[in-house]
PDB file of N, CA and C in Angstrom:
ATOM      1  N   UNK A   1    -213.885  97.661  -3.843  1.00  0.00           N
ATOM      2  CA  UNK A   1    -213.514  97.642  -2.243  1.00  0.00           C
ATOM      3  C   UNK A   1    -214.263  98.925  -2.306  1.00  0.00           C
ATOM      4  N   UNK A   2    -214.152 100.415  -2.707  1.00  0.00           N
ATOM      5  CA  UNK A   2    -214.602 101.529  -2.340  1.00  0.00           C
ATOM      6  C   UNK A   2    -215.706 101.715  -2.089  1.00  0.00           C
ATOM      7  N   UNK A   3    -216.507 100.714  -3.432  1.00  0.00           N
ATOM      8  CA  UNK A   3    -218.031 101.028  -3.012  1.00  0.00           C
ATOM      9  C   UNK A   3    -218.564  99.658  -1.843  1.00  0.00           C
ATOM     10  N   UNK A   4    -217.864  98.644  -1.717  1.00  0.00           N
ATOM     11  CA  UNK A   4    -218.233  98.099  -0.429  1.00  0.00           C
ATOM     12  C   UNK A   4    -217.603  97.971   0.983  1.00  0.00           C
ATOM     13  N   UNK A   5    -216.549  99.611   1.340  1.00  0.00           N
ATOM     14  CA  UNK A   5    -216.275  99.513   2.356  1.00  0.00           C
ATOM     15  C   UNK A   5    -217.060 100.303   3.035  1.00  0.00           C
ATOM     16  N   UNK A   6    -218.012 100.266   3.311  1.00  0.00           N
ATOM     17  CA  UNK A   6    -218.867 101.316   4.051  1.00  0.00           C
ATOM     18  C   UNK A   6    -219.394  99.819   4.828  1.00  0.00           C
ATOM     19  N   UNK A   7    -219.750  98.881   4.364  1.00  0.00           N
ATOM     20  CA  UNK A   7    -220.052  97.861   5.069  1.00  0.00           C
ATOM     21  C   UNK A   7    -219.859  96.954   5.151  1.00  0.00           C
ATOM     22  N   UNK A   8    -218.268  97.348   6.231  1.00  0.00           N
ATOM     23  CA  UNK A   8    -217.438  95.865   6.219  1.00  0.00           C
ATOM     24  C   UNK A   8    -217.979  95.936   7.476  1.00  0.00           C
ATOM     25  N   UNK A   9    -218.103  96.630   8.450  1.00  0.00           N
ATOM     26  CA  UNK A   9    -218.306  95.962   9.978  1.00  0.00           C
ATOM     27  C   UNK A   9    -219.695  95.886   9.995  1.00  0.00           C
ATOM     28  N   UNK A  10    -220.071  96.586   8.705  1.00  0.00           N
ATOM     29  CA  UNK A  10    -221.772  95.660   9.218  1.00  0.00           C
ATOM     30  C   UNK A  10    -222.304  94.061   8.846  1.00  0.00           C
ATOM     31  N   UNK A  11    -221.794  93.981   7.514  1.00  0.00           N
ATOM     32  CA  UNK A  11    -221.969  93.030   7.373  1.00  0.00           C
ATOM     33  C   UNK A  11    -221.317  91.616   7.117  1.00  0.00           C
ATOM     34  N   UNK A  12    -221.058  90.825   7.642  1.00  0.00           N
ATOM     35  CA  UNK A  12    -219.801  89.685   7.726  1.00  0.00           C
ATOM     36  C   UNK A  12    -219.750  88.642   6.595  1.00  0.00           C
ATOM     37  N   UNK A  13    -220.698  88.439   5.378  1.00  0.00           N
ATOM     38  CA  UNK A  13    -220.062  88.281   4.304  1.00  0.00           C
ATOM     39  C   UNK A  13    -219.525  89.608   3.255  1.00  0.00           C
ATOM     40  N   UNK A  14    -219.895  90.594   3.310  1.00  0.00           N
ATOM     41  CA  UNK A  14    -219.429  91.531   3.040  1.00  0.00           C
ATOM     42  C   UNK A  14    -218.054  91.683   3.204  1.00  0.00           C
ATOM     43  N   UNK A  15    -217.597  91.628   4.729  1.00  0.00           N
ATOM     44  CA  UNK A  15    -216.164  91.782   5.310  1.00  0.00           C
ATOM     45  C   UNK A  15    -215.686  90.486   4.713  1.00  0.00           C
ATOM     46  N   UNK A  16    -215.654  89.321   4.352  1.00  0.00           N
ATOM     47  CA  UNK A  16    -215.346  88.409   3.771  1.00  0.00           C
ATOM     48  C   UNK A  16    -214.772  88.660   2.045  1.00  0.00           C
ATOM     49  N   UNK A  17    -216.022  89.059   1.173  1.00  0.00           N
ATOM     50  CA  UNK A  17    -215.618  89.596   0.400  1.00  0.00           C
ATOM     51  C   UNK A  17    -214.453  90.128  -0.203  1.00  0.00           C
ATOM     52  N   UNK A  18    -214.189  90.976   0.893  1.00  0.00           N
ATOM     53  CA  UNK A  18    -213.667  92.704   0.753  1.00  0.00           C
ATOM     54  C   UNK A  18    -212.202  91.630   1.547  1.00  0.00           C
ATOM     55  N   UNK A  19    -212.059  90.697   1.788  1.00  0.00           N
ATOM     56  CA  UNK A  19    -210.847  90.470   2.760  1.00  0.00           C
ATOM     57  C   UNK A  19    -210.092  89.489   1.559  1.00  0.00           C
ATOM     58  N   UNK A  20    -211.009  88.630   1.184  1.00  0.00           N
ATOM     59  CA  UNK A  20    -210.524  88.449  -0.113  1.00  0.00           C
ATOM     60  C   UNK A  20    -209.822  88.619  -1.436  1.00  0.00           C
ATOM     61  N   UNK A  21    -210.957  90.152  -1.344  1.00  0.00           N
ATOM     62  CA  UNK A  21    -209.977  90.534  -2.551  1.00  0.00           C
ATOM     63  C   UNK A  21    -208.825  91.151  -2.114  1.00  0.00           C
ATOM     64  N   UNK A  22    -208.559  92.185  -0.755  1.00  0.00           N
ATOM     65  CA  UNK A  22    -207.905  92.703  -0.403  1.00  0.00           C
ATOM     66  C   UNK A  22    -206.557  91.457  -0.508  1.00  0.00           C
ATOM     67  N   UNK A  23    -206.109  90.122  -0.574  1.00  0.00           N
ATOM     68  CA  UNK A  23    -205.587  89.098  -0.379  1.00  0.00           C
ATOM     69  C   UNK A  23    -204.673  88.528  -1.416  1.00  0.00           C
ATOM     70  N   UNK A  24    -206.089  88.858  -2.790  1.00  0.00           N
ATOM     71  CA  UNK A  24    -206.092  88.781  -4.203  1.00  0.00           C
ATOM     72  C   UNK A  24    -205.130  89.692  -4.419  1.00  0.00           C
ATOM     73  N   UNK A  25    -205.584  91.110  -4.498  1.00  0.00           N
ATOM     74  CA  UNK A  25    -204.706  92.093  -4.873  1.00  0.00           C
ATOM     75  C   UNK A  25    -202.677  92.501  -3.801  1.00  0.00           C
ATOM     76  N   UNK A  26    -203.568  91.793  -3.224  1.00  0.00           N
ATOM     77  CA  UNK A  26    -201.449  91.626  -3.051  1.00  0.00           C
ATOM     78  C   UNK A  26    -201.038  90.363  -3.150  1.00  0.00           C
ATOM     79  N   UNK A  27    -202.051  89.171  -3.778  1.00  0.00           N
ATOM     80  CA  UNK A  27    -201.374  88.286  -4.226  1.00  0.00           C
ATOM     81  C   UNK A  27    -200.278  88.179  -6.007  1.00  0.00           C
ATOM     82  N   UNK A  28    -201.609  89.490  -6.200  1.00  0.00           N
ATOM     83  CA  UNK A  28    -201.350  89.999  -8.043  1.00  0.00           C
ATOM     84  C   UNK A  28    -199.765  90.976  -8.115  1.00  0.00           C
ATOM     85  N   UNK A  29    -199.954  91.783  -6.941  1.00  0.00           N
ATOM     86  CA  UNK A  29    -199.206  92.867  -7.066  1.00  0.00           C
ATOM     87  C   UNK A  29    -197.601  92.320  -7.394  1.00  0.00           C
ATOM     88  N   UNK A  30    -197.126  92.969  -8.580  1.00  0.00           N
ATOM     89  CA  UNK A  30    -196.027  92.728  -9.177  1.00  0.00           C
ATOM     90  C   UNK A  30    -194.429  93.158  -7.781  1.00  0.00           C
ATOM     91  N   UNK A  31    -193.790  92.034  -8.326  1.00  0.00           N
ATOM     92  CA  UNK A  31    -192.642  92.546  -7.441  1.00  0.00           C
ATOM     93  C   UNK A  31    -192.248  94.107  -7.518  1.00  0.00           C
ATOM     94  N   UNK A  32    -192.045  94.789  -8.682  1.00  0.00           N
ATOM     95  CA  UNK A  32    -191.794  96.147  -9.332  1.00  0.00           C
ATOM     96  C   UNK A  32    -192.930  97.329  -8.563  1.00  0.00           C
ATOM     97  N   UNK A  33    -194.110  96.768  -7.710  1.00  0.00           N
ATOM     98  CA  UNK A  33    -195.080  96.836  -6.948  1.00  0.00           C
ATOM     99  C   UNK A  33    -196.405  97.349  -7.798  1.00  0.00           C
ATOM    100  N   UNK A  34    -196.091  96.956  -8.908  1.00  0.00           N
ATOM    101  CA  UNK A  34    -197.210  96.978  -9.993  1.00  0.00           C
ATOM    102  C   UNK A  34    -198.064  95.951 -10.207  1.00  0.00           C
ATOM    103  N   UNK A  35    -199.031  96.544 -11.104  1.00  0.00           N
ATOM    104  CA  UNK A  35    -200.371  95.373 -11.449  1.00  0.00           C
ATOM    105  C   UNK A  35    -200.175  95.152 -13.041  1.00  0.00           C
ATOM    106  N   UNK A  36    -200.396  94.165 -13.523  1.00  0.00           N
ATOM    107  CA  UNK A  36    -200.521  93.856 -14.833  1.00  0.00           C
ATOM    108  C   UNK A  36    -202.064  94.422 -15.319  1.00  0.00           C
ATOM    109  N   UNK A  37    -202.643  94.659 -15.893  1.00  0.00           N
ATOM    110  CA  UNK A  37    -203.837  94.402 -16.740  1.00  0.00           C
ATOM    111  C   UNK A  37    -204.052  93.756 -18.173  1.00  0.00           C
ATOM    112  N   UNK A  38    -204.217  93.183 -18.482  1.00  0.00           N
ATOM    113  CA  UNK A  38    -204.432  92.190 -19.799  1.00  0.00           C
ATOM    114  C   UNK A  38    -203.149  91.985 -20.443  1.00  0.00           C
ATOM    115  N   UNK A  39    -201.871  91.797 -18.990  1.00  0.00           N
ATOM    116  CA  UNK A  39    -200.567  91.683 -19.796  1.00  0.00           C
ATOM    117  C   UNK A  39    -199.294  92.753 -19.941  1.00  0.00           C
ATOM    118  N   UNK A  40    -200.359  94.431 -19.559  1.00  0.00           N
ATOM    119  CA  UNK A  40    -199.611  95.220 -19.027  1.00  0.00           C
ATOM    120  C   UNK A  40    -199.741  96.346 -18.038  1.00  0.00           C
ATOM    121  N   UNK A  41    -198.598  96.929 -17.647  1.00  0.00           N
ATOM    122  CA  UNK A  41    -198.448  97.737 -16.852  1.00  0.00           C
ATOM    123  C   UNK A  41    -199.395  99.006 -16.982  1.00  0.00           C
ATOM    124  N   UNK A  42    -200.433  98.834 -15.975  1.00  0.00           N
ATOM    125  CA  UNK A  42    -200.674 100.859 -16.423  1.00  0.00           C
ATOM    126  C   UNK A  42    -200.965 101.650 -14.872  1.00  0.00           C
ATOM    127  N   UNK A  43    -201.153 102.735 -14.914  1.00  0.00           N
ATOM    128  CA  UNK A  43    -201.382 103.042 -13.576  1.00  0.00           C
ATOM    129  C   UNK A  43    -202.617 103.140 -13.074  1.00  0.00           C
ATOM    130  N   UNK A  44    -204.000 103.246 -13.726  1.00  0.00           N
ATOM    131  CA  UNK A  44    -205.189 103.185 -13.887  1.00  0.00           C
ATOM    132  C   UNK A  44    -205.223 101.518 -12.909  1.00  0.00           C
ATOM    133  N   UNK A  45    -204.148 100.661 -12.839  1.00  0.00           N
ATOM    134  CA  UNK A  45    -204.709  99.582 -11.854  1.00  0.00           C
ATOM    135  C   UNK A  45    -204.684  99.889 -10.543  1.00  0.00           C
ATOM    136  N   UNK A  46    -203.195 100.757 -10.660  1.00  0.00           N
ATOM    137  CA  UNK A  46    -202.639 101.238  -8.808  1.00  0.00           C
ATOM    138  C   UNK A  46    -203.568 102.193  -8.524  1.00  0.00           C
ATOM    139  N   UNK A  47    -203.928 102.910  -9.421  1.00  0.00           N
ATOM    140  CA  UNK A  47    -204.914 103.941  -8.385  1.00  0.00           C
ATOM    141  C   UNK A  47    -206.121 103.421  -8.135  1.00  0.00           C
ATOM    142  N   UNK A  48    -206.502 102.767  -8.654  1.00  0.00           N
ATOM    143  CA  UNK A  48    -208.047 102.044  -8.180  1.00  0.00           C
ATOM    144  C   UNK A  48    -207.558 101.334  -6.914  1.00  0.00           C
ATOM    145  N   UNK A  49    -206.609 100.644  -7.119  1.00  0.00           N
ATOM    146  CA  UNK A  49    -206.280  99.778  -5.854  1.00  0.00           C
ATOM    147  C   UNK A  49    -206.234 101.025  -4.580  1.00  0.00           C
ATOM    148  N   UNK A  50    -205.175 101.438  -4.974  1.00  0.00           N
ATOM    149  CA  UNK A  50    -204.773 103.014  -4.349  1.00  0.00           C
ATOM    150  C   UNK A  50    -206.271 103.667  -3.185  1.00  0.00           C
ATOM    151  N   UNK A  51    -206.975 103.867  -4.388  1.00  0.00           N
ATOM    152  CA  UNK A  51    -208.245 104.186  -3.843  1.00  0.00           C
ATOM    153  C   UNK A  51    -209.552 103.276  -2.895  1.00  0.00           C
ATOM    154  N   UNK A  52    -209.351 102.111  -3.325  1.00  0.00           N
ATOM    155  CA  UNK A  52    -209.843 100.905  -2.918  1.00  0.00           C
ATOM    156  C   UNK A  52    -209.480 100.802  -1.430  1.00  0.00           C
ATOM    157  N   UNK A  53    -207.968 100.591  -1.163  1.00  0.00           N
ATOM    158  CA  UNK A  53    -207.353 100.319   0.231  1.00  0.00           C
ATOM    159  C   UNK A  53    -207.601 101.446   0.882  1.00  0.00           C
ATOM    160  N   UNK A  54    -207.083 102.962   0.447  1.00  0.00           N
ATOM    161  CA  UNK A  54    -207.942 103.899   1.550  1.00  0.00           C
ATOM    162  C   UNK A  54    -208.990 103.903   2.256  1.00  0.00           C
ATOM    163  N   UNK A  55    -209.768 103.393   1.224  1.00  0.00           N
ATOM    164  CA  UNK A  55    -211.276 103.672   1.759  1.00  0.00           C
ATOM    165  C   UNK A  55    -211.835 102.472   2.692  1.00  0.00           C
ATOM    166  N   UNK A  56    -210.620 101.201   2.544  1.00  0.00           N
ATOM    167  CA  UNK A  56    -210.820 100.779   4.179  1.00  0.00           C
ATOM    168  C   UNK A  56    -209.985 100.920   5.137  1.00  0.00           C
ATOM    169  N   UNK A  57    -209.132 102.369   4.930  1.00  0.00           N
ATOM    170  CA  UNK A  57    -207.988 102.169   5.957  1.00  0.00           C
ATOM    171  C   UNK A  57    -206.726 101.768   6.053  1.00  0.00           C
ATOM    172  N   UNK A  58    -206.710 101.154   4.701  1.00  0.00           N
ATOM    173  CA  UNK A  58    -205.443 100.286   4.665  1.00  0.00           C
ATOM    174  C   UNK A  58    -204.544 100.855   4.168  1.00  0.00           C
ATOM    175  N   UNK A  59    -203.256 101.340   4.682  1.00  0.00           N
ATOM    176  CA  UNK A  59    -201.820 102.409   3.811  1.00  0.00           C
ATOM    177  C   UNK A  59    -201.593 101.811   2.985  1.00  0.00           C
ATOM    178  N   UNK A  60    -201.317 102.395   1.288  1.00  0.00           N
ATOM    179  CA  UNK A  60    -201.238 101.306   0.686  1.00  0.00           C
ATOM    180  C   UNK A  60    -199.241 101.654   0.286  1.00  0.00           C
ATOM    181  N   UNK A  61    -199.290 102.671   1.343  1.00  0.00           N
ATOM    182  CA  UNK A  61    -197.617 103.178   0.888  1.00  0.00           C
ATOM    183  C   UNK A  61    -196.803 102.111   2.204  1.00  0.00           C
ATOM    184  N   UNK A  62    -197.515 101.790   2.987  1.00  0.00           N
ATOM    185  CA  UNK A  62    -197.212 101.277   4.466  1.00  0.00           C
ATOM    186  C   UNK A  62    -197.345 100.113   4.618  1.00  0.00           C
ATOM    187  N   UNK A  63    -198.600  99.595   4.240  1.00  0.00           N
ATOM    188  CA  UNK A  63    -199.014  98.298   4.377  1.00  0.00           C
ATOM    189  C   UNK A  63    -197.604  96.523   3.629  1.00  0.00           C
ATOM    190  N   UNK A  64    -197.424  96.237   4.445  1.00  0.00           N
ATOM    191  CA  UNK A  64    -196.675  95.399   4.276  1.00  0.00           C
ATOM    192  C   UNK A  64    -197.071  94.177   3.631  1.00  0.00           C
ATOM    193  N   UNK A  65    -197.885  93.966   3.127  1.00  0.00           N
ATOM    194  CA  UNK A  65    -199.132  93.363   1.692  1.00  0.00           C
ATOM    195  C   UNK A  65    -199.067  93.899   0.756  1.00  0.00           C
ATOM    196  N   UNK A  66    -198.569  95.376   0.949  1.00  0.00           N
ATOM    197  CA  UNK A  66    -198.525  95.969  -0.573  1.00  0.00           C
ATOM    198  C   UNK A  66    -196.913  96.680  -0.984  1.00  0.00           C
ATOM    199  N   UNK A  67    -196.258  95.920  -0.066  1.00  0.00           N
ATOM    200  CA  UNK A  67    -194.952  96.524  -0.831  1.00  0.00           C
ATOM    201  C   UNK A  67    -193.832  95.398  -0.900  1.00  0.00           C
ATOM    202  N   UNK A  68    -193.449  95.249  -2.109  1.00  0.00           N
ATOM    203  CA  UNK A  68    -193.277  94.155  -2.807  1.00  0.00           C
ATOM    204  C   UNK A  68    -191.359  94.592  -2.581  1.00  0.00           C
ATOM    205  N   UNK A  69    -190.738  93.694  -2.802  1.00  0.00           N
ATOM    206  CA  UNK A  69    -189.527  94.471  -2.702  1.00  0.00           C
ATOM    207  C   UNK A  69    -189.255  95.516  -2.662  1.00  0.00           C
ATOM    208  N   UNK A  70    -189.437  95.780  -1.774  1.00  0.00           N
ATOM    209  CA  UNK A  70    -189.013  97.360  -1.328  1.00  0.00           C
ATOM    210  C   UNK A  70    -190.066  98.402  -2.174  1.00  0.00           C
ATOM    211  N   UNK A  71    -191.065  97.922  -2.459  1.00  0.00           N
ATOM    212  CA  UNK A  71    -191.604  99.091  -3.798  1.00  0.00           C
ATOM    213  C   UNK A  71    -193.421  98.694  -3.173  1.00  0.00           C
ATOM    214  N   UNK A  72    -193.705 100.545  -2.842  1.00  0.00           N
ATOM    215  CA  UNK A  72    -195.133 100.700  -2.600  1.00  0.00           C
ATOM    216  C   UNK A  72    -195.829 100.319  -3.904  1.00  0.00           C
ATOM    217  N   UNK A  73    -197.239 100.490  -3.425  1.00  0.00           N
ATOM    218  CA  UNK A  73    -198.207 101.188  -4.421  1.00  0.00           C
ATOM    219  C   UNK A  73    -198.104 102.344  -5.147  1.00  0.00           C
ATOM    220  N   UNK A  74    -198.183 103.793  -3.997  1.00  0.00           N
ATOM    221  CA  UNK A  74    -197.575 104.748  -4.544  1.00  0.00           C
ATOM    222  C   UNK A  74    -196.632 105.015  -5.417  1.00  0.00           C
ATOM    223  N   UNK A  75    -195.142 104.574  -4.480  1.00  0.00           N
ATOM    224  CA  UNK A  75    -194.341 104.682  -5.592  1.00  0.00           C
ATOM    225  C   UNK A  75    -194.726 103.779  -6.941  1.00  0.00           C
ATOM    226  N   UNK A  76    -195.062 102.733  -6.945  1.00  0.00           N
ATOM    227  CA  UNK A  76    -195.283 102.515  -8.479  1.00  0.00           C
ATOM    228  C   UNK A  76    -196.197 103.291  -8.992  1.00  0.00           C
ATOM    229  N   UNK A  77    -197.330 103.668  -8.841  1.00  0.00           N
ATOM    230  CA  UNK A  77    -197.459 105.025  -9.047  1.00  0.00           C
ATOM    231  C   UNK A  77    -196.943 106.049  -9.413  1.00  0.00           C
ATOM    232  N   UNK A  78    -196.172 106.348  -8.733  1.00  0.00           N
ATOM    233  CA  UNK A  78    -195.307 107.952  -9.320  1.00  0.00           C
ATOM    234  C   UNK A  78    -194.549 107.531 -10.625  1.00  0.00           C
ATOM    235  N   UNK A  79    -193.763 106.221 -10.293  1.00  0.00           N
ATOM    236  CA  UNK A  79    -193.214 106.515 -11.662  1.00  0.00           C
ATOM    237  C   UNK A  79    -193.988 106.145 -12.790  1.00  0.00           C
ATOM    238  N   UNK A  80    -195.356 106.847 -13.050  1.00  0.00           N
ATOM    239  CA  UNK A  80    -196.159 107.211 -14.387  1.00  0.00           C
ATOM    240  C   UNK A  80    -196.311 108.201 -14.301  1.00  0.00           C
ATOM    241  N   UNK A  81    -195.268 108.998 -13.792  1.00  0.00           N
ATOM    242  CA  UNK A  81    -195.758 110.697 -13.998  1.00  0.00           C
ATOM    243  C   UNK A  81    -194.994 111.107 -15.140  1.00  0.00           C
ATOM    244  N   UNK A  82    -195.876 111.626 -16.122  1.00  0.00           N
ATOM    245  CA  UNK A  82    -195.113 112.339 -17.078  1.00  0.00           C
ATOM    246  C   UNK A  82    -193.931 113.551 -16.623  1.00  0.00           C
ATOM    247  N   UNK A  83    -193.415 113.586 -17.389  1.00  0.00           N
ATOM    248  CA  UNK A  83    -193.087 115.634 -17.650  1.00  0.00           C
ATOM    249  C   UNK A  83    -193.196 116.832 -16.954  1.00  0.00           C
ATOM    250  N   UNK A  84    -194.843 116.728 -18.134  1.00  0.00           N
ATOM    251  CA  UNK A  84    -195.546 117.806 -16.700  1.00  0.00           C
ATOM    252  C   UNK A  84    -196.083 117.972 -16.044  1.00  0.00           C
ATOM    253  N   UNK A  85    -195.851 116.579 -15.359  1.00  0.00           N
ATOM    254  CA  UNK A  85    -196.391 116.106 -13.593  1.00  0.00           C
ATOM    255  C   UNK A  85    -198.285 115.359 -14.405  1.00  0.00           C
ATOM    256  N   UNK A  86    -198.216 115.297 -15.160  1.00  0.00           N
ATOM    257  CA  UNK A  86    -199.392 114.676 -15.613  1.00  0.00           C
ATOM    258  C   UNK A  86    -199.217 113.024 -15.455  1.00  0.00           C
ATOM    259  N   UNK A  87    -199.974 112.018 -15.746  1.00  0.00           N
ATOM    260  CA  UNK A  87    -200.355 110.965 -15.921  1.00  0.00           C
ATOM    261  C   UNK A  87    -200.684 110.279 -17.014  1.00  0.00           C
TER     262      UNK A  87
END
């Protein structure tokens, strides 16, 4: 998403692909706001989705497609923060 975002309004085929990707991400997001990658939850998939959505002007904390059961992507990402403030 991040790489294709600059072409969203330039190329119709890219627009369709991006719209489908955004829909796919929304559909696979878990009810706790996280994603599964190879059956595991990780902060990496969350941060990549957040970056991709932000590059498209989509607010990953407020967009209803990415708030599941009251849990946003940003909230889910922050649950991975360690006591030393790292992730």
